Amino acid sequence: MRRIGEGRPLHIFICVNERAGAHCGHRNELRTLKRWVIENGLLSKIQITGTTCLGYCGENRVCWVYPENMFYEFRSLKEVKEFIKKSL
């Protein structure tokens, strides 16, 4: 084993799983959010990762936040951005 780098202070995993009948699959919003992070100079502070099922299907965007080890459900992409600003 060898170390290859440090993580960022905030890491958010967003469900992009696509499943019939579920409100998953926020792949376009993931791209938009990653672009927003870069445009706002936050790349050294936050990492955004798309993931398959997180196990909490809901009506909205489900995210897992590390190192907090907490799941959140956001109603909009704007709400995710506000969370990031508040957390940094």
PDB file of N, CA and C in Angstrom:
ATOM      1  N   MET A   1       0.848  -1.178   0.000  1.00  0.00           N
ATOM      2  CA  MET A   1       0.000   0.000   0.000  1.00  0.00           C
ATOM      3  C   MET A   1       0.888   1.234   0.000  1.00  0.00           C
ATOM      4  N   ARG A   2       0.430   2.246  -0.715  1.00  0.00           N
ATOM      5  CA  ARG A   2       1.135   3.518  -0.680  1.00  0.00           C
ATOM      6  C   ARG A   2       0.132   4.661  -0.695  1.00  0.00           C
ATOM      7  N   ARG A   3       0.456   5.717  -0.007  1.00  0.00           N
ATOM      8  CA  ARG A   3      -0.411   6.894   0.009  1.00  0.00           C
ATOM      9  C   ARG A   3      -0.259   7.628  -1.311  1.00  0.00           C
ATOM     10  N   ILE A   4      -1.353   8.105  -1.854  1.00  0.00           N
ATOM     11  CA  ILE A   4      -1.287   8.803  -3.131  1.00  0.00           C
ATOM     12  C   ILE A   4      -1.807  10.234  -3.058  1.00  0.00           C
ATOM     13  N   GLY A   5      -2.255  10.679  -1.906  1.00  0.00           N
ATOM     14  CA  GLY A   5      -2.718  12.055  -1.767  1.00  0.00           C
ATOM     15  C   GLY A   5      -3.701  12.203  -0.630  1.00  0.00           C
ATOM     16  N   GLU A   6      -3.934  13.438  -0.282  1.00  0.00           N
ATOM     17  CA  GLU A   6      -4.884  13.752   0.788  1.00  0.00           C
ATOM     18  C   GLU A   6      -6.244  14.086   0.199  1.00  0.00           C
ATOM     19  N   GLY A   7      -7.260  13.827   0.971  1.00  0.00           N
ATOM     20  CA  GLY A   7      -8.604  14.212   0.567  1.00  0.00           C
ATOM     21  C   GLY A   7      -8.832  15.690   0.827  1.00  0.00           C
ATOM     22  N   ARG A   8      -9.940  16.177   0.376  1.00  0.00           N
ATOM     23  CA  ARG A   8     -10.299  17.575   0.607  1.00  0.00           C
ATOM     24  C   ARG A   8     -11.132  17.662   1.883  1.00  0.00           C
ATOM     25  N   PRO A   9     -11.213  18.862   2.475  1.00  0.00           N
ATOM     26  CA  PRO A   9     -11.970  19.005   3.725  1.00  0.00           C
ATOM     27  C   PRO A   9     -13.433  18.575   3.627  1.00  0.00           C
ATOM     28  N   LEU A  10     -14.036  18.699   2.448  1.00  0.00           N
ATOM     29  CA  LEU A  10     -15.439  18.337   2.269  1.00  0.00           C
ATOM     30  C   LEU A  10     -15.563  17.485   1.014  1.00  0.00           C
ATOM     31  N   HIS A  11     -16.244  16.360   1.141  1.00  0.00           N
ATOM     32  CA  HIS A  11     -16.448  15.456   0.001  1.00  0.00           C
ATOM     33  C   HIS A  11     -17.920  15.080  -0.015  1.00  0.00           C
ATOM     34  N   ILE A  12     -18.581  15.383  -1.118  1.00  0.00           N
ATOM     35  CA  ILE A  12     -20.008  15.105  -1.255  1.00  0.00           C
ATOM     36  C   ILE A  12     -20.214  14.083  -2.366  1.00  0.00           C
ATOM     37  N   PHE A  13     -20.924  13.021  -2.031  1.00  0.00           N
ATOM     38  CA  PHE A  13     -21.283  11.985  -2.995  1.00  0.00           C
ATOM     39  C   PHE A  13     -22.745  12.186  -3.364  1.00  0.00           C
ATOM     40  N   ILE A  14     -23.036  12.307  -4.660  1.00  0.00           N
ATOM     41  CA  ILE A  14     -24.392  12.547  -5.131  1.00  0.00           C
ATOM     42  C   ILE A  14     -24.865  11.341  -5.941  1.00  0.00           C
ATOM     43  N   CYS A  15     -26.048  10.855  -5.604  1.00  0.00           N
ATOM     44  CA  CYS A  15     -26.601   9.714  -6.319  1.00  0.00           C
ATOM     45  C   CYS A  15     -26.935  10.092  -7.757  1.00  0.00           C
ATOM     46  N   VAL A  16     -26.366   9.344  -8.696  1.00  0.00           N
ATOM     47  CA  VAL A  16     -26.688   9.532 -10.109  1.00  0.00           C
ATOM     48  C   VAL A  16     -27.263   8.240 -10.690  1.00  0.00           C
ATOM     49  N   ASN A  17     -27.634   7.340  -9.800  1.00  0.00           N
ATOM     50  CA  ASN A  17     -28.195   6.057 -10.213  1.00  0.00           C
ATOM     51  C   ASN A  17     -29.492   6.293 -10.986  1.00  0.00           C
ATOM     52  N   GLU A  18     -29.692   5.564 -12.037  1.00  0.00           N
ATOM     53  CA  GLU A  18     -30.927   5.679 -12.811  1.00  0.00           C
ATOM     54  C   GLU A  18     -31.723   4.400 -12.659  1.00  0.00           C
ATOM     55  N   ARG A  19     -32.876   4.528 -12.043  1.00  0.00           N
ATOM     56  CA  ARG A  19     -33.722   3.376 -11.758  1.00  0.00           C
ATOM     57  C   ARG A  19     -35.156   3.715 -12.108  1.00  0.00           C
ATOM     58  N   ALA A  20     -35.808   2.838 -12.803  1.00  0.00           N
ATOM     59  CA  ALA A  20     -37.205   3.062 -13.197  1.00  0.00           C
ATOM     60  C   ALA A  20     -38.075   3.242 -11.957  1.00  0.00           C
ATOM     61  N   GLY A  21     -38.878   4.290 -11.973  1.00  0.00           N
ATOM     62  CA  GLY A  21     -39.817   4.531 -10.888  1.00  0.00           C
ATOM     63  C   GLY A  21     -39.225   5.251  -9.694  1.00  0.00           C
ATOM     64  N   ALA A  22     -37.939   5.560  -9.715  1.00  0.00           N
ATOM     65  CA  ALA A  22     -37.308   6.264  -8.595  1.00  0.00           C
ATOM     66  C   ALA A  22     -36.894   7.658  -9.041  1.00  0.00           C
ATOM     67  N   HIS A  23     -36.688   8.520  -8.072  1.00  0.00           N
ATOM     68  CA  HIS A  23     -36.283   9.900  -8.359  1.00  0.00           C
ATOM     69  C   HIS A  23     -34.774  10.034  -8.237  1.00  0.00           C
ATOM     70  N   CYS A  24     -34.071   9.175  -8.900  1.00  0.00           N
ATOM     71  CA  CYS A  24     -32.610   9.187  -8.890  1.00  0.00           C
ATOM     72  C   CYS A  24     -32.119   9.788 -10.202  1.00  0.00           C
ATOM     73  N   GLY A  25     -30.843   9.743 -10.416  1.00  0.00           N
ATOM     74  CA  GLY A  25     -30.291  10.114 -11.701  1.00  0.00           C
ATOM     75  C   GLY A  25     -30.106  11.597 -11.913  1.00  0.00           C
ATOM     76  N   HIS A  26     -29.411  12.255 -11.027  1.00  0.00           N
ATOM     77  CA  HIS A  26     -29.157  13.689 -11.147  1.00  0.00           C
ATOM     78  C   HIS A  26     -27.803  13.930 -11.813  1.00  0.00           C
ATOM     79  N   ARG A  27     -27.550  13.214 -12.898  1.00  0.00           N
ATOM     80  CA  ARG A  27     -26.255  13.274 -13.593  1.00  0.00           C
ATOM     81  C   ARG A  27     -25.973  14.675 -14.155  1.00  0.00           C
ATOM     82  N   ASN A  28     -26.972  15.324 -14.742  1.00  0.00           N
ATOM     83  CA  ASN A  28     -26.763  16.672 -15.286  1.00  0.00           C
ATOM     84  C   ASN A  28     -26.476  17.671 -14.178  1.00  0.00           C
ATOM     85  N   GLU A  29     -27.145  17.526 -13.047  1.00  0.00           N
ATOM     86  CA  GLU A  29     -26.889  18.418 -11.926  1.00  0.00           C
ATOM     87  C   GLU A  29     -25.498  18.186 -11.349  1.00  0.00           C
ATOM     88  N   LEU A  30     -25.035  16.949 -11.385  1.00  0.00           N
ATOM     89  CA  LEU A  30     -23.681  16.652 -10.924  1.00  0.00           C
ATOM     90  C   LEU A  30     -22.675  17.436 -11.763  1.00  0.00           C
ATOM     91  N   ARG A  31     -22.832  17.407 -13.072  1.00  0.00           N
ATOM     92  CA  ARG A  31     -21.929  18.165 -13.959  1.00  0.00           C
ATOM     93  C   ARG A  31     -21.998  19.660 -13.668  1.00  0.00           C
ATOM     94  N   THR A  32     -23.213  20.164 -13.490  1.00  0.00           N
ATOM     95  CA  THR A  32     -23.406  21.579 -13.202  1.00  0.00           C
ATOM     96  C   THR A  32     -22.733  21.954 -11.886  1.00  0.00           C
ATOM     97  N   LEU A  33     -22.880  21.125 -10.876  1.00  0.00           N
ATOM     98  CA  LEU A  33     -22.293  21.399  -9.566  1.00  0.00           C
ATOM     99  C   LEU A  33     -20.767  21.362  -9.623  1.00  0.00           C
ATOM    100  N   LYS A  34     -20.210  20.395 -10.343  1.00  0.00           N
ATOM    101  CA  LYS A  34     -18.753  20.328 -10.493  1.00  0.00           C
ATOM    102  C   LYS A  34     -18.223  21.586 -11.184  1.00  0.00           C
ATOM    103  N   ARG A  35     -18.928  22.034 -12.213  1.00  0.00           N
ATOM    104  CA  ARG A  35     -18.534  23.250 -12.924  1.00  0.00           C
ATOM    105  C   ARG A  35     -18.597  24.464 -11.982  1.00  0.00           C
ATOM    106  N   TRP A  36     -19.651  24.524 -11.157  1.00  0.00           N
ATOM    107  CA  TRP A  36     -19.819  25.617 -10.194  1.00  0.00           C
ATOM    108  C   TRP A  36     -18.663  25.635  -9.190  1.00  0.00           C
ATOM    109  N   VAL A  37     -18.253  24.454  -8.712  1.00  0.00           N
ATOM    110  CA  VAL A  37     -17.137  24.352  -7.769  1.00  0.00           C
ATOM    111  C   VAL A  37     -15.870  24.931  -8.395  1.00  0.00           C
ATOM    112  N   ILE A  38     -15.601  24.578  -9.632  1.00  0.00           N
ATOM    113  CA  ILE A  38     -14.414  25.077 -10.329  1.00  0.00           C
ATOM    114  C   ILE A  38     -14.507  26.588 -10.541  1.00  0.00           C
ATOM    115  N   GLU A  39     -15.640  27.056 -11.023  1.00  0.00           N
ATOM    116  CA  GLU A  39     -15.826  28.486 -11.311  1.00  0.00           C
ATOM    117  C   GLU A  39     -15.722  29.351 -10.062  1.00  0.00           C
ATOM    118  N   ASN A  40     -16.035  28.791  -8.897  1.00  0.00           N
ATOM    119  CA  ASN A  40     -15.989  29.548  -7.652  1.00  0.00           C
ATOM    120  C   ASN A  40     -14.708  29.318  -6.857  1.00  0.00           C
ATOM    121  N   GLY A  41     -13.724  28.687  -7.481  1.00  0.00           N
ATOM    122  CA  GLY A  41     -12.421  28.503  -6.852  1.00  0.00           C
ATOM    123  C   GLY A  41     -12.439  27.612  -5.625  1.00  0.00           C
ATOM    124  N   LEU A  42     -13.337  26.631  -5.595  1.00  0.00           N
ATOM    125  CA  LEU A  42     -13.494  25.768  -4.428  1.00  0.00           C
ATOM    126  C   LEU A  42     -12.871  24.388  -4.606  1.00  0.00           C
ATOM    127  N   LEU A  43     -12.195  24.176  -5.709  1.00  0.00           N
ATOM    128  CA  LEU A  43     -11.682  22.849  -6.032  1.00  0.00           C
ATOM    129  C   LEU A  43     -10.720  22.304  -4.980  1.00  0.00           C
ATOM    130  N   SER A  44      -9.975  23.163  -4.311  1.00  0.00           N
ATOM    131  CA  SER A  44      -9.044  22.691  -3.277  1.00  0.00           C
ATOM    132  C   SER A  44      -9.754  22.388  -1.963  1.00  0.00           C
ATOM    133  N   LYS A  45     -11.032  22.781  -1.844  1.00  0.00           N
ATOM    134  CA  LYS A  45     -11.765  22.623  -0.586  1.00  0.00           C
ATOM    135  C   LYS A  45     -12.846  21.553  -0.614  1.00  0.00           C
ATOM    136  N   ILE A  46     -13.289  21.194  -1.810  1.00  0.00           N
ATOM    137  CA  ILE A  46     -14.408  20.259  -1.895  1.00  0.00           C
ATOM    138  C   ILE A  46     -14.235  19.322  -3.082  1.00  0.00           C
ATOM    139  N   GLN A  47     -14.685  18.119  -2.900  1.00  0.00           N
ATOM    140  CA  GLN A  47     -14.724  17.156  -3.990  1.00  0.00           C
ATOM    141  C   GLN A  47     -16.162  16.690  -4.138  1.00  0.00           C
ATOM    142  N   ILE A  48     -16.633  16.646  -5.376  1.00  0.00           N
ATOM    143  CA  ILE A  48     -17.985  16.195  -5.689  1.00  0.00           C
ATOM    144  C   ILE A  48     -17.848  14.913  -6.502  1.00  0.00           C
ATOM    145  N   THR A  49     -18.498  13.850  -6.055  1.00  0.00           N
ATOM    146  CA  THR A  49     -18.400  12.564  -6.728  1.00  0.00           C
ATOM    147  C   THR A  49     -19.787  11.998  -6.987  1.00  0.00           C
ATOM    148  N   GLY A  50     -20.025  11.548  -8.196  1.00  0.00           N
ATOM    149  CA  GLY A  50     -21.263  10.848  -8.523  1.00  0.00           C
ATOM    150  C   GLY A  50     -21.138   9.395  -8.097  1.00  0.00           C
ATOM    151  N   THR A  51     -22.224   8.849  -7.615  1.00  0.00           N
ATOM    152  CA  THR A  51     -22.206   7.466  -7.140  1.00  0.00           C
ATOM    153  C   THR A  51     -23.506   6.769  -7.509  1.00  0.00           C
ATOM    154  N   THR A  52     -23.482   5.457  -7.465  1.00  0.00           N
ATOM    155  CA  THR A  52     -24.731   4.723  -7.657  1.00  0.00           C
ATOM    156  C   THR A  52     -25.494   4.739  -6.340  1.00  0.00           C
ATOM    157  N   CYS A  53     -26.453   3.880  -6.187  1.00  0.00           N
ATOM    158  CA  CYS A  53     -27.406   3.943  -5.081  1.00  0.00           C
ATOM    159  C   CYS A  53     -26.749   4.124  -3.716  1.00  0.00           C
ATOM    160  N   LEU A  54     -27.251   5.117  -2.985  1.00  0.00           N
ATOM    161  CA  LEU A  54     -26.803   5.376  -1.620  1.00  0.00           C
ATOM    162  C   LEU A  54     -27.733   4.737  -0.593  1.00  0.00           C
ATOM    163  N   GLY A  55     -28.824   4.148  -1.075  1.00  0.00           N
ATOM    164  CA  GLY A  55     -29.739   3.447  -0.175  1.00  0.00           C
ATOM    165  C   GLY A  55     -30.831   4.308   0.434  1.00  0.00           C
ATOM    166  N   TYR A  56     -30.887   5.580   0.066  1.00  0.00           N
ATOM    167  CA  TYR A  56     -31.917   6.477   0.590  1.00  0.00           C
ATOM    168  C   TYR A  56     -32.656   7.125  -0.562  1.00  0.00           C
ATOM    169  N   CYS A  57     -33.459   6.372  -1.270  1.00  0.00           N
ATOM    170  CA  CYS A  57     -34.218   6.949  -2.379  1.00  0.00           C
ATOM    171  C   CYS A  57     -35.267   7.893  -1.818  1.00  0.00           C
ATOM    172  N   GLY A  58     -35.356   9.053  -2.407  1.00  0.00           N
ATOM    173  CA  GLY A  58     -36.331  10.035  -1.956  1.00  0.00           C
ATOM    174  C   GLY A  58     -36.844  10.832  -3.137  1.00  0.00           C
ATOM    175  N   GLU A  59     -37.608  11.832  -2.849  1.00  0.00           N
ATOM    176  CA  GLU A  59     -38.172  12.688  -3.883  1.00  0.00           C
ATOM    177  C   GLU A  59     -37.126  13.647  -4.450  1.00  0.00           C
ATOM    178  N   ASN A  60     -36.022  13.842  -3.741  1.00  0.00           N
ATOM    179  CA  ASN A  60     -35.066  14.876  -4.093  1.00  0.00           C
ATOM    180  C   ASN A  60     -33.660  14.323  -4.273  1.00  0.00           C
ATOM    181  N   ARG A  61     -32.674  15.194  -4.206  1.00  0.00           N
ATOM    182  CA  ARG A  61     -31.274  14.811  -4.360  1.00  0.00           C
ATOM    183  C   ARG A  61     -30.744  14.269  -3.048  1.00  0.00           C
ATOM    184  N   VAL A  62     -30.242  13.053  -3.075  1.00  0.00           N
ATOM    185  CA  VAL A  62     -29.681  12.449  -1.872  1.00  0.00           C
ATOM    186  C   VAL A  62     -28.162  12.518  -1.976  1.00  0.00           C
ATOM    187  N   CYS A  63     -27.543  13.049  -0.926  1.00  0.00           N
ATOM    188  CA  CYS A  63     -26.097  13.205  -0.894  1.00  0.00           C
ATOM    189  C   CYS A  63     -25.542  12.649   0.406  1.00  0.00           C
ATOM    190  N   TRP A  64     -24.357  12.089   0.327  1.00  0.00           N
ATOM    191  CA  TRP A  64     -23.630  11.661   1.524  1.00  0.00           C
ATOM    192  C   TRP A  64     -22.451  12.599   1.664  1.00  0.00           C
ATOM    193  N   VAL A  65     -22.281  13.171   2.846  1.00  0.00           N
ATOM    194  CA  VAL A  65     -21.232  14.149   3.092  1.00  0.00           C
ATOM    195  C   VAL A  65     -20.175  13.536   4.001  1.00  0.00           C
ATOM    196  N   TYR A  66     -18.927  13.599   3.560  1.00  0.00           N
ATOM    197  CA  TYR A  66     -17.787  13.094   4.308  1.00  0.00           C
ATOM    198  C   TYR A  66     -16.855  14.261   4.579  1.00  0.00           C
ATOM    199  N   PRO A  67     -16.238  14.407   5.697  1.00  0.00           N
ATOM    200  CA  PRO A  67     -16.063  13.433   6.767  1.00  0.00           C
ATOM    201  C   PRO A  67     -17.170  13.449   7.818  1.00  0.00           C
ATOM    202  N   GLU A  68     -18.222  14.207   7.590  1.00  0.00           N
ATOM    203  CA  GLU A  68     -19.325  14.278   8.547  1.00  0.00           C
ATOM    204  C   GLU A  68     -20.051  12.939   8.704  1.00  0.00           C
ATOM    205  N   ASN A  69     -19.974  12.101   7.665  1.00  0.00           N
ATOM    206  CA  ASN A  69     -20.633  10.791   7.657  1.00  0.00           C
ATOM    207  C   ASN A  69     -22.140  10.917   7.873  1.00  0.00           C
ATOM    208  N   MET A  70     -22.755  11.812   7.079  1.00  0.00           N
ATOM    209  CA  MET A  70     -24.178  12.084   7.223  1.00  0.00           C
ATOM    210  C   MET A  70     -24.833  12.133   5.839  1.00  0.00           C
ATOM    211  N   PHE A  71     -26.041  11.601   5.750  1.00  0.00           N
ATOM    212  CA  PHE A  71     -26.827  11.671   4.523  1.00  0.00           C
ATOM    213  C   PHE A  71     -27.762  12.869   4.605  1.00  0.00           C
ATOM    214  N   TYR A  72     -27.940  13.546   3.471  1.00  0.00           N
ATOM    215  CA  TYR A  72     -28.847  14.678   3.381  1.00  0.00           C
ATOM    216  C   TYR A  72     -29.719  14.510   2.145  1.00  0.00           C
ATOM    217  N   GLU A  73     -30.908  15.076   2.208  1.00  0.00           N
ATOM    218  CA  GLU A  73     -31.789  15.145   1.054  1.00  0.00           C
ATOM    219  C   GLU A  73     -32.022  16.624   0.760  1.00  0.00           C
ATOM    220  N   PHE A  74     -31.686  17.045  -0.454  1.00  0.00           N
ATOM    221  CA  PHE A  74     -31.826  18.440  -0.850  1.00  0.00           C
ATOM    222  C   PHE A  74     -32.945  18.574  -1.866  1.00  0.00           C
ATOM    223  N   ARG A  75     -33.711  19.664  -1.763  1.00  0.00           N
ATOM    224  CA  ARG A  75     -34.836  19.884  -2.674  1.00  0.00           C
ATOM    225  C   ARG A  75     -34.401  20.449  -4.019  1.00  0.00           C
ATOM    226  N   SER A  76     -33.224  21.071  -4.066  1.00  0.00           N
ATOM    227  CA  SER A  76     -32.776  21.697  -5.310  1.00  0.00           C
ATOM    228  C   SER A  76     -31.258  21.774  -5.337  1.00  0.00           C
ATOM    229  N   LEU A  77     -30.728  22.033  -6.510  1.00  0.00           N
ATOM    230  CA  LEU A  77     -29.294  22.224  -6.663  1.00  0.00           C
ATOM    231  C   LEU A  77     -28.856  23.486  -5.917  1.00  0.00           C
ATOM    232  N   LYS A  78     -29.720  24.485  -5.902  1.00  0.00           N
ATOM    233  CA  LYS A  78     -29.436  25.716  -5.159  1.00  0.00           C
ATOM    234  C   LYS A  78     -29.228  25.403  -3.679  1.00  0.00           C
ATOM    235  N   GLU A  79     -30.042  24.521  -3.141  1.00  0.00           N
ATOM    236  CA  GLU A  79     -29.915  24.135  -1.740  1.00  0.00           C
ATOM    237  C   GLU A  79     -28.578  23.428  -1.475  1.00  0.00           C
ATOM    238  N   VAL A  80     -28.121  22.623  -2.425  1.00  0.00           N
ATOM    239  CA  VAL A  80     -26.820  21.955  -2.286  1.00  0.00           C
ATOM    240  C   VAL A  80     -25.711  23.003  -2.244  1.00  0.00           C
ATOM    241  N   LYS A  81     -25.774  23.983  -3.136  1.00  0.00           N
ATOM    242  CA  LYS A  81     -24.762  25.044  -3.177  1.00  0.00           C
ATOM    243  C   LYS A  81     -24.745  25.837  -1.876  1.00  0.00           C
ATOM    244  N   GLU A  82     -25.910  26.140  -1.338  1.00  0.00           N
ATOM    245  CA  GLU A  82     -25.986  26.875  -0.068  1.00  0.00           C
ATOM    246  C   GLU A  82     -25.360  26.060   1.059  1.00  0.00           C
ATOM    247  N   PHE A  83     -25.592  24.761   1.054  1.00  0.00           N
ATOM    248  CA  PHE A  83     -24.996  23.867   2.057  1.00  0.00           C
ATOM    249  C   PHE A  83     -23.469  23.914   1.956  1.00  0.00           C
ATOM    250  N   ILE A  84     -22.952  23.862   0.739  1.00  0.00           N
ATOM    251  CA  ILE A  84     -21.504  23.881   0.534  1.00  0.00           C
ATOM    252  C   ILE A  84     -20.918  25.189   1.059  1.00  0.00           C
ATOM    253  N   LYS A  85     -21.523  26.312   0.703  1.00  0.00           N
ATOM    254  CA  LYS A  85     -21.033  27.621   1.173  1.00  0.00           C
ATOM    255  C   LYS A  85     -21.012  27.682   2.694  1.00  0.00           C
ATOM    256  N   LYS A  86     -22.063  27.189   3.315  1.00  0.00           N
ATOM    257  CA  LYS A  86     -22.177  27.209   4.774  1.00  0.00           C
ATOM    258  C   LYS A  86     -21.162  26.281   5.436  1.00  0.00           C
ATOM    259  N   SER A  87     -20.828  25.178   4.766  1.00  0.00           N
ATOM    260  CA  SER A  87     -19.956  24.170   5.351  1.00  0.00           C
ATOM    261  C   SER A  87     -18.464  24.523   5.249  1.00  0.00           C
ATOM    262  N   LEU A  88     -18.107  25.404   4.334  1.00  0.00           N
ATOM    263  CA  LEU A  88     -16.693  25.728   4.129  1.00  0.00           C
ATOM    264  C   LEU A  88     -16.222  26.898   4.940  1.00  0.00           C
TER     265      LEU A  88
END
